[in-house]
C-alpha cells in the first residue's frame, strides 16, 4: 500500500494480490482536461500524474508494465484505474506471483493507536471538530476494495432451476429467496455500506469517519465547487478556511 500527497494532487495505490492488480486512485483539485496525463515509469515501479502544470509521483506497491499511459477522461476530479502486476522473470504463464514483503512505509495511525475519548481537532488552527470523550471507541475501516474481493472469497451460487415458462419452483425458489434475504442482511452485500455511528469513530489510512451527531455544531462548513458542480462536497473549518485532512 502506498500513499503520497502534495498541495495539488492526492495519489493512492493499493496492491490486490488475490487478483494480481494494483488499484490506483487520484484526487484532483480541479476537473481533468486534455492536458492531464498519467504515466508509468520505464521500469514499471513509479506512477506520475501531471495536472495544471504540476506533477506528482508515487512509488507503486508492485511492478507493472513500464511506459504505460492510462487513458484519462476529461471533466473528472477523481480518477480510478487498475494496473496488472507483472510476474517475476522466468515464471510460468498464469503463475509465479509472490506476495511482496511487508510495506516498510509507516501507517499514519490505526484504531489501536487512538484512545477512546480522543478529541478531533483542526491541525491548522486547533479548532475542535469532535469534543473529548464523545467518541468512546475507534475501529479500523476495511480497504475500499473489500466489496469487490468478496466474489473471490466465496463460491459461486448454483444455477436456479426453472420450468419451461421461466418460473422457479420447488425448493430452489425457497433457496433463492433465502439467499437474497441473507445477502441483504449481511454486511457485505453489494448494496451494503459502512455507516457512521454516534459515539464510534472509524479510521483508515487517509481519513476518519464520524457521525454528524458527534461533530461540534458549525465547526465545519460545506464548500461547493463552482468549476465542477458534481464534485464531492468538501468541508472547511470556518476559523482558518482549511479543509480537514489536507
C-alpha atoms as a PDB file:
ATOM      1  CA  UNK A   1       0.000   0.000   0.000  1.00  0.00           C
ATOM      2  CA  UNK A   2       1.342   3.434  -0.880  1.00  0.00           C
ATOM      3  CA  UNK A   3       0.200   6.993  -0.386  1.00  0.00           C
ATOM      4  CA  UNK A   4       1.611  10.328  -1.422  1.00  0.00           C
ATOM      5  CA  UNK A   5       0.128  13.823  -1.432  1.00  0.00           C
ATOM      6  CA  UNK A   6       1.093  17.410  -2.081  1.00  0.00           C
ATOM      7  CA  UNK A   7      -0.856  20.670  -2.307  1.00  0.00           C
ATOM      8  CA  UNK A   8      -2.089  19.813  -5.806  1.00  0.00           C
ATOM      9  CA  UNK A   9      -2.809  16.113  -6.265  1.00  0.00           C
ATOM     10  CA  UNK A  10      -3.534  13.212  -3.900  1.00  0.00           C
ATOM     11  CA  UNK A  11      -2.406   9.777  -5.112  1.00  0.00           C
ATOM     12  CA  UNK A  12      -3.222   6.378  -3.627  1.00  0.00           C
ATOM     13  CA  UNK A  13      -2.207   2.897  -4.699  1.00  0.00           C
ATOM     14  CA  UNK A  14      -3.080  -0.455  -3.130  1.00  0.00           C
ATOM     15  CA  UNK A  15      -1.875  -3.902  -4.102  1.00  0.00           C
ATOM     16  CA  UNK A  16      -4.630  -6.502  -4.555  1.00  0.00           C
ATOM     17  CA  UNK A  17      -2.563  -9.722  -4.509  1.00  0.00           C
ATOM     18  CA  UNK A  18      -5.515 -12.103  -4.914  1.00  0.00           C
ATOM     19  CA  UNK A  19      -6.314 -10.676  -8.352  1.00  0.00           C
ATOM     20  CA  UNK A  20      -2.751  -9.602  -9.178  1.00  0.00           C
ATOM     21  CA  UNK A  21      -3.610  -5.964  -9.752  1.00  0.00           C
ATOM     22  CA  UNK A  22      -2.838  -2.554  -8.278  1.00  0.00           C
ATOM     23  CA  UNK A  23      -5.787  -0.267  -7.593  1.00  0.00           C
ATOM     24  CA  UNK A  24      -4.884   3.390  -8.156  1.00  0.00           C
ATOM     25  CA  UNK A  25      -6.881   6.444  -7.076  1.00  0.00           C
ATOM     26  CA  UNK A  26      -6.150  10.082  -7.852  1.00  0.00           C
ATOM     27  CA  UNK A  27      -7.919  13.156  -6.443  1.00  0.00           C
ATOM     28  CA  UNK A  28      -7.521  16.371  -8.452  1.00  0.00           C
ATOM     29  CA  UNK A  29      -8.172  19.924  -7.203  1.00  0.00           C
ATOM     30  CA  UNK A  30      -9.921  20.781 -10.495  1.00  0.00           C
ATOM     31  CA  UNK A  31     -11.572  18.767 -13.288  1.00  0.00           C
ATOM     32  CA  UNK A  32      -9.270  16.794 -15.565  1.00  0.00           C
ATOM     33  CA  UNK A  33      -8.566  18.170 -19.035  1.00  0.00           C
ATOM     34  CA  UNK A  34      -6.865  17.105 -22.257  1.00  0.00           C
ATOM     35  CA  UNK A  35      -3.549  18.114 -20.666  1.00  0.00           C
ATOM     36  CA  UNK A  36      -3.996  15.840 -17.637  1.00  0.00           C
ATOM     37  CA  UNK A  37      -1.698  12.822 -18.035  1.00  0.00           C
ATOM     38  CA  UNK A  38      -0.958   9.632 -16.126  1.00  0.00           C
ATOM     39  CA  UNK A  39       2.402   7.978 -16.835  1.00  0.00           C
ATOM     40  CA  UNK A  40       4.159   4.809 -15.674  1.00  0.00           C
ATOM     41  CA  UNK A  41       7.961   4.897 -15.437  1.00  0.00           C
ATOM     42  CA  UNK A  42      10.011   2.765 -17.825  1.00  0.00           C
ATOM     43  CA  UNK A  43      10.849   0.305 -15.027  1.00  0.00           C
ATOM     44  CA  UNK A  44       7.165  -0.014 -14.004  1.00  0.00           C
ATOM     45  CA  UNK A  45       7.875   0.988 -10.412  1.00  0.00           C
ATOM     46  CA  UNK A  46       6.552   4.555 -10.293  1.00  0.00           C
ATOM     47  CA  UNK A  47       3.407   6.389 -11.377  1.00  0.00           C
ATOM     48  CA  UNK A  48       3.175  10.116 -12.058  1.00  0.00           C
ATOM     49  CA  UNK A  49       0.249  12.470 -12.697  1.00  0.00           C
ATOM     50  CA  UNK A  50       0.610  15.810 -14.489  1.00  0.00           C
ATOM     51  CA  UNK A  51      -2.254  18.254 -13.971  1.00  0.00           C
ATOM     52  CA  UNK A  52      -2.496  22.061 -14.349  1.00  0.00           C
ATOM     53  CA  UNK A  53       1.266  22.348 -14.786  1.00  0.00           C
ATOM     54  CA  UNK A  54       2.082  20.405 -11.597  1.00  0.00           C
ATOM     55  CA  UNK A  55       3.464  16.863 -11.427  1.00  0.00           C
ATOM     56  CA  UNK A  56       3.064  14.357  -8.576  1.00  0.00           C
ATOM     57  CA  UNK A  57       4.709  10.943  -8.359  1.00  0.00           C
ATOM     58  CA  UNK A  58       4.106   7.763  -6.389  1.00  0.00           C
ATOM     59  CA  UNK A  59       6.090   4.558  -5.873  1.00  0.00           C
ATOM     60  CA  UNK A  60       3.830   1.627  -6.713  1.00  0.00           C
ATOM     61  CA  UNK A  61       3.481  -1.314  -4.260  1.00  0.00           C
ATOM     62  CA  UNK A  62       4.289  -3.726  -7.098  1.00  0.00           C
ATOM     63  CA  UNK A  63       5.923  -3.736 -10.524  1.00  0.00           C
ATOM     64  CA  UNK A  64       3.755  -3.204 -13.615  1.00  0.00           C
ATOM     65  CA  UNK A  65       4.407  -2.878 -17.349  1.00  0.00           C
ATOM     66  CA  UNK A  66       6.662   0.100 -17.967  1.00  0.00           C
ATOM     67  CA  UNK A  67       5.899   3.211 -20.050  1.00  0.00           C
ATOM     68  CA  UNK A  68       2.122   2.752 -19.877  1.00  0.00           C
ATOM     69  CA  UNK A  69      -0.136   5.791 -20.289  1.00  0.00           C
ATOM     70  CA  UNK A  70      -3.575   5.022 -18.789  1.00  0.00           C
ATOM     71  CA  UNK A  71      -6.388   6.912 -20.512  1.00  0.00           C
ATOM     72  CA  UNK A  72      -7.820   9.916 -18.652  1.00  0.00           C
ATOM     73  CA  UNK A  73     -11.415  11.059 -19.101  1.00  0.00           C
ATOM     74  CA  UNK A  74     -11.961  14.799 -19.088  1.00  0.00           C
ATOM     75  CA  UNK A  75     -14.123  16.645 -16.544  1.00  0.00           C
ATOM     76  CA  UNK A  76     -13.379  14.416 -13.543  1.00  0.00           C
ATOM     77  CA  UNK A  77     -11.864  15.337 -10.173  1.00  0.00           C
ATOM     78  CA  UNK A  78     -11.448  11.701  -9.116  1.00  0.00           C
ATOM     79  CA  UNK A  79      -9.622   9.155 -11.293  1.00  0.00           C
ATOM     80  CA  UNK A  80      -9.502   5.412 -10.627  1.00  0.00           C
ATOM     81  CA  UNK A  81      -7.986   2.570 -12.628  1.00  0.00           C
ATOM     82  CA  UNK A  82      -6.318  -0.848 -12.290  1.00  0.00           C
ATOM     83  CA  UNK A  83      -2.814  -1.930 -13.330  1.00  0.00           C
ATOM     84  CA  UNK A  84      -1.912  -5.629 -13.807  1.00  0.00           C
ATOM     85  CA  UNK A  85       1.073  -6.707 -11.703  1.00  0.00           C
ATOM     86  CA  UNK A  86       3.920  -8.395 -13.583  1.00  0.00           C
ATOM     87  CA  UNK A  87       5.026 -11.884 -12.559  1.00  0.00           C
ATOM     88  CA  UNK A  88       8.722 -12.366 -11.759  1.00  0.00           C
ATOM     89  CA  UNK A  89      11.064 -13.065 -14.691  1.00  0.00           C
ATOM     90  CA  UNK A  90      11.044 -16.729 -15.686  1.00  0.00           C
ATOM     91  CA  UNK A  91       7.705 -17.503 -14.040  1.00  0.00           C
ATOM     92  CA  UNK A  92       5.239 -19.754 -15.852  1.00  0.00           C
ATOM     93  CA  UNK A  93       2.261 -18.028 -17.541  1.00  0.00           C
ATOM     94  CA  UNK A  94      -0.544 -17.525 -15.044  1.00  0.00           C
ATOM     95  CA  UNK A  95       1.691 -18.312 -12.079  1.00  0.00           C
ATOM     96  CA  UNK A  96       4.763 -17.259 -10.242  1.00  0.00           C
ATOM     97  CA  UNK A  97       3.202 -14.318  -8.444  1.00  0.00           C
ATOM     98  CA  UNK A  98       4.572 -13.810  -4.969  1.00  0.00           C
ATOM     99  CA  UNK A  99       3.091 -11.624  -2.296  1.00  0.00           C
ATOM    100  CA  UNK A 100       5.566  -8.786  -1.606  1.00  0.00           C
ATOM    101  CA  UNK A 101       7.202  -8.302   1.768  1.00  0.00           C
ATOM    102  CA  UNK A 102       5.534  -6.060   4.314  1.00  0.00           C
ATOM    103  CA  UNK A 103       5.462  -2.434   3.205  1.00  0.00           C
ATOM    104  CA  UNK A 104       8.186  -0.560   5.086  1.00  0.00           C
ATOM    105  CA  UNK A 105       6.217   2.679   4.927  1.00  0.00           C
ATOM    106  CA  UNK A 106       4.739   3.595   8.284  1.00  0.00           C
ATOM    107  CA  UNK A 107       0.954   3.680   8.520  1.00  0.00           C
ATOM    108  CA  UNK A 108      -0.130   7.057   9.966  1.00  0.00           C
ATOM    109  CA  UNK A 109      -2.481   5.511  12.515  1.00  0.00           C
ATOM    110  CA  UNK A 110      -4.825   2.650  13.285  1.00  0.00           C
ATOM    111  CA  UNK A 111      -7.715   2.192  15.703  1.00  0.00           C
ATOM    112  CA  UNK A 112      -5.275   0.603  18.164  1.00  0.00           C
ATOM    113  CA  UNK A 113      -3.275   3.845  18.258  1.00  0.00           C
ATOM    114  CA  UNK A 114      -6.241   6.092  19.117  1.00  0.00           C
ATOM    115  CA  UNK A 115      -7.532   6.034  22.670  1.00  0.00           C
ATOM    116  CA  UNK A 116     -11.249   6.153  23.428  1.00  0.00           C
ATOM    117  CA  UNK A 117     -12.453   9.663  24.165  1.00  0.00           C
ATOM    118  CA  UNK A 118      -9.818  11.290  21.945  1.00  0.00           C
ATOM    119  CA  UNK A 119     -10.896  14.651  20.536  1.00  0.00           C
ATOM    120  CA  UNK A 120     -10.572  15.575  16.838  1.00  0.00           C
ATOM    121  CA  UNK A 121      -9.015  18.990  16.157  1.00  0.00           C
ATOM    122  CA  UNK A 122      -8.094  21.041  13.113  1.00  0.00           C
ATOM    123  CA  UNK A 123      -4.335  20.764  12.569  1.00  0.00           C
ATOM    124  CA  UNK A 124      -4.183  24.314  11.197  1.00  0.00           C
ATOM    125  CA  UNK A 125      -5.980  26.306  13.904  1.00  0.00           C
ATOM    126  CA  UNK A 126      -6.676  23.610  16.548  1.00  0.00           C
ATOM    127  CA  UNK A 127     -10.420  24.282  16.424  1.00  0.00           C
ATOM    128  CA  UNK A 128     -12.373  21.398  17.985  1.00  0.00           C
ATOM    129  CA  UNK A 129     -14.355  19.314  15.476  1.00  0.00           C
ATOM    130  CA  UNK A 130     -15.274  16.467  17.857  1.00  0.00           C
ATOM    131  CA  UNK A 131     -15.079  17.112  21.599  1.00  0.00           C
ATOM    132  CA  UNK A 132     -13.157  14.943  24.049  1.00  0.00           C
ATOM    133  CA  UNK A 133     -14.970  11.884  25.466  1.00  0.00           C
ATOM    134  CA  UNK A 134     -17.605  11.957  22.690  1.00  0.00           C
ATOM    135  CA  UNK A 135     -16.121   9.029  20.740  1.00  0.00           C
ATOM    136  CA  UNK A 136     -15.978   6.117  23.184  1.00  0.00           C
ATOM    137  CA  UNK A 137     -14.006   3.846  20.841  1.00  0.00           C
ATOM    138  CA  UNK A 138     -12.403   3.579  17.390  1.00  0.00           C
ATOM    139  CA  UNK A 139     -12.495   0.872  14.722  1.00  0.00           C
ATOM    140  CA  UNK A 140     -10.463   0.315  11.554  1.00  0.00           C
ATOM    141  CA  UNK A 141     -12.216   0.722   8.220  1.00  0.00           C
ATOM    142  CA  UNK A 142     -11.600  -2.013   5.622  1.00  0.00           C
ATOM    143  CA  UNK A 143      -9.970  -1.345   2.280  1.00  0.00           C
ATOM    144  CA  UNK A 144     -12.202   0.466  -0.199  1.00  0.00           C
ATOM    145  CA  UNK A 145     -11.949  -2.618  -2.444  1.00  0.00           C
ATOM    146  CA  UNK A 146     -13.361  -5.041   0.142  1.00  0.00           C
ATOM    147  CA  UNK A 147     -16.730  -5.453  -1.599  1.00  0.00           C
ATOM    148  CA  UNK A 148     -15.106  -6.327  -4.932  1.00  0.00           C
ATOM    149  CA  UNK A 149     -12.981  -9.015  -3.294  1.00  0.00           C
ATOM    150  CA  UNK A 150     -15.985 -10.903  -1.896  1.00  0.00           C
ATOM    151  CA  UNK A 151     -16.556 -12.796  -5.158  1.00  0.00           C
ATOM    152  CA  UNK A 152     -13.073 -14.276  -4.814  1.00  0.00           C
ATOM    153  CA  UNK A 153     -13.649 -15.366  -1.222  1.00  0.00           C
ATOM    154  CA  UNK A 154     -16.986 -17.132  -1.741  1.00  0.00           C
ATOM    155  CA  UNK A 155     -18.111 -19.881  -4.075  1.00  0.00           C
ATOM    156  CA  UNK A 156     -20.484 -19.058  -6.908  1.00  0.00           C
ATOM    157  CA  UNK A 157     -24.131 -19.747  -6.319  1.00  0.00           C
ATOM    158  CA  UNK A 158     -25.623 -22.772  -8.124  1.00  0.00           C
ATOM    159  CA  UNK A 159     -27.898 -22.122 -11.058  1.00  0.00           C
ATOM    160  CA  UNK A 160     -31.563 -21.906 -10.185  1.00  0.00           C
ATOM    161  CA  UNK A 161     -33.811 -24.443 -11.916  1.00  0.00           C
ATOM    162  CA  UNK A 162     -36.701 -23.043 -13.886  1.00  0.00           C
ATOM    163  CA  UNK A 163     -39.612 -24.577 -15.727  1.00  0.00           C
ATOM    164  CA  UNK A 164     -40.324 -24.054 -19.431  1.00  0.00           C
ATOM    165  CA  UNK A 165     -42.150 -20.794 -18.694  1.00  0.00           C
ATOM    166  CA  UNK A 166     -39.145 -19.376 -16.892  1.00  0.00           C
ATOM    167  CA  UNK A 167     -40.697 -19.670 -13.409  1.00  0.00           C
ATOM    168  CA  UNK A 168     -38.807 -21.036 -10.433  1.00  0.00           C
ATOM    169  CA  UNK A 169     -40.418 -23.803  -8.459  1.00  0.00           C
ATOM    170  CA  UNK A 170     -39.909 -26.113  -5.514  1.00  0.00           C
ATOM    171  CA  UNK A 171     -37.027 -25.895  -3.031  1.00  0.00           C
ATOM    172  CA  UNK A 172     -34.895 -23.888  -5.476  1.00  0.00           C
ATOM    173  CA  UNK A 173     -37.323 -20.974  -5.257  1.00  0.00           C
ATOM    174  CA  UNK A 174     -37.235 -21.054  -1.460  1.00  0.00           C
ATOM    175  CA  UNK A 175     -33.430 -21.232  -1.505  1.00  0.00           C
ATOM    176  CA  UNK A 176     -33.268 -18.255  -3.857  1.00  0.00           C
ATOM    177  CA  UNK A 177     -35.419 -16.159  -1.528  1.00  0.00           C
ATOM    178  CA  UNK A 178     -33.278 -17.228   1.418  1.00  0.00           C
ATOM    179  CA  UNK A 179     -30.067 -16.245  -0.399  1.00  0.00           C
ATOM    180  CA  UNK A 180     -31.490 -12.842  -1.308  1.00  0.00           C
ATOM    181  CA  UNK A 181     -32.501 -12.246   2.288  1.00  0.00           C
ATOM    182  CA  UNK A 182     -29.077 -13.338   3.519  1.00  0.00           C
ATOM    183  CA  UNK A 183     -27.258 -11.003   1.098  1.00  0.00           C
ATOM    184  CA  UNK A 184     -29.462  -8.110   2.196  1.00  0.00           C
ATOM    185  CA  UNK A 185     -28.931  -8.670   5.914  1.00  0.00           C
ATOM    186  CA  UNK A 186     -25.233  -9.498   5.968  1.00  0.00           C
ATOM    187  CA  UNK A 187     -22.692  -6.683   5.957  1.00  0.00           C
ATOM    188  CA  UNK A 188     -21.010  -7.483   2.662  1.00  0.00           C
ATOM    189  CA  UNK A 189     -23.796  -7.305   0.093  1.00  0.00           C
ATOM    190  CA  UNK A 190     -23.283  -5.164  -2.996  1.00  0.00           C
ATOM    191  CA  UNK A 191     -25.831  -2.656  -1.685  1.00  0.00           C
ATOM    192  CA  UNK A 192     -24.418  -2.526   1.843  1.00  0.00           C
ATOM    193  CA  UNK A 193     -22.318   0.348   3.126  1.00  0.00           C
ATOM    194  CA  UNK A 194     -20.463   1.139   6.298  1.00  0.00           C
ATOM    195  CA  UNK A 195     -22.433   3.837   8.105  1.00  0.00           C
ATOM    196  CA  UNK A 196     -21.196   6.211  10.786  1.00  0.00           C
ATOM    197  CA  UNK A 197     -22.464   5.516  14.303  1.00  0.00           C
ATOM    198  CA  UNK A 198     -22.789   8.021  17.176  1.00  0.00           C
ATOM    199  CA  UNK A 199     -20.079   7.552  19.772  1.00  0.00           C
ATOM    200  CA  UNK A 200     -17.909   5.444  17.439  1.00  0.00           C
ATOM    201  CA  UNK A 201     -15.044   6.678  15.277  1.00  0.00           C
ATOM    202  CA  UNK A 202     -13.778   4.853  12.180  1.00  0.00           C
ATOM    203  CA  UNK A 203     -10.293   5.328  10.776  1.00  0.00           C
ATOM    204  CA  UNK A 204      -8.390   4.197   7.686  1.00  0.00           C
ATOM    205  CA  UNK A 205      -5.133   5.153   6.021  1.00  0.00           C
ATOM    206  CA  UNK A 206      -6.300   8.553   4.807  1.00  0.00           C
ATOM    207  CA  UNK A 207      -9.435   9.573   6.687  1.00  0.00           C
ATOM    208  CA  UNK A 208     -11.724   9.490   9.721  1.00  0.00           C
ATOM    209  CA  UNK A 209     -15.435   8.642   9.635  1.00  0.00           C
ATOM    210  CA  UNK A 210     -17.609  10.028  12.430  1.00  0.00           C
ATOM    211  CA  UNK A 211     -21.317  10.603  12.856  1.00  0.00           C
ATOM    212  CA  UNK A 212     -22.715  14.064  12.151  1.00  0.00           C
ATOM    213  CA  UNK A 213     -24.297  13.953  15.610  1.00  0.00           C
ATOM    214  CA  UNK A 214     -20.812  13.857  17.188  1.00  0.00           C
ATOM    215  CA  UNK A 215     -19.452  16.920  15.367  1.00  0.00           C
ATOM    216  CA  UNK A 216     -19.382  20.270  17.169  1.00  0.00           C
ATOM    217  CA  UNK A 217     -22.116  22.453  15.586  1.00  0.00           C
ATOM    218  CA  UNK A 218     -20.755  24.915  12.998  1.00  0.00           C
ATOM    219  CA  UNK A 219     -17.202  23.573  13.436  1.00  0.00           C
ATOM    220  CA  UNK A 220     -17.105  22.718   9.712  1.00  0.00           C
ATOM    221  CA  UNK A 221     -18.994  24.192   6.764  1.00  0.00           C
ATOM    222  CA  UNK A 222     -19.597  22.756   3.257  1.00  0.00           C
ATOM    223  CA  UNK A 223     -17.833  24.243   0.238  1.00  0.00           C
ATOM    224  CA  UNK A 224     -19.264  23.637  -3.223  1.00  0.00           C
ATOM    225  CA  UNK A 225     -17.088  23.649  -6.357  1.00  0.00           C
ATOM    226  CA  UNK A 226     -18.304  26.154  -8.957  1.00  0.00           C
ATOM    227  CA  UNK A 227     -15.982  24.635 -11.580  1.00  0.00           C
ATOM    228  CA  UNK A 228     -17.424  21.135 -11.151  1.00  0.00           C
ATOM    229  CA  UNK A 229     -20.928  21.026  -9.552  1.00  0.00           C
ATOM    230  CA  UNK A 230     -20.855  17.201  -9.467  1.00  0.00           C
ATOM    231  CA  UNK A 231     -17.615  17.076  -7.455  1.00  0.00           C
ATOM    232  CA  UNK A 232     -17.843  15.724  -3.880  1.00  0.00           C
ATOM    233  CA  UNK A 233     -18.690  18.358  -1.261  1.00  0.00           C
ATOM    234  CA  UNK A 234     -15.670  19.463   0.769  1.00  0.00           C
ATOM    235  CA  UNK A 235     -15.893  20.791   4.319  1.00  0.00           C
ATOM    236  CA  UNK A 236     -13.775  23.646   5.657  1.00  0.00           C
ATOM    237  CA  UNK A 237     -13.087  24.860   9.180  1.00  0.00           C
ATOM    238  CA  UNK A 238     -14.593  28.419   9.273  1.00  0.00           C
ATOM    239  CA  UNK A 239     -11.884  29.863  11.531  1.00  0.00           C
ATOM    240  CA  UNK A 240      -8.979  29.051   9.179  1.00  0.00           C
ATOM    241  CA  UNK A 241     -10.729  28.041   5.902  1.00  0.00           C
ATOM    242  CA  UNK A 242      -8.672  24.833   5.917  1.00  0.00           C
ATOM    243  CA  UNK A 243     -10.065  21.535   4.641  1.00  0.00           C
ATOM    244  CA  UNK A 244      -9.644  18.891   7.378  1.00  0.00           C
ATOM    245  CA  UNK A 245      -7.117  16.281   6.362  1.00  0.00           C
ATOM    246  CA  UNK A 246      -5.364  18.444   3.738  1.00  0.00           C
END
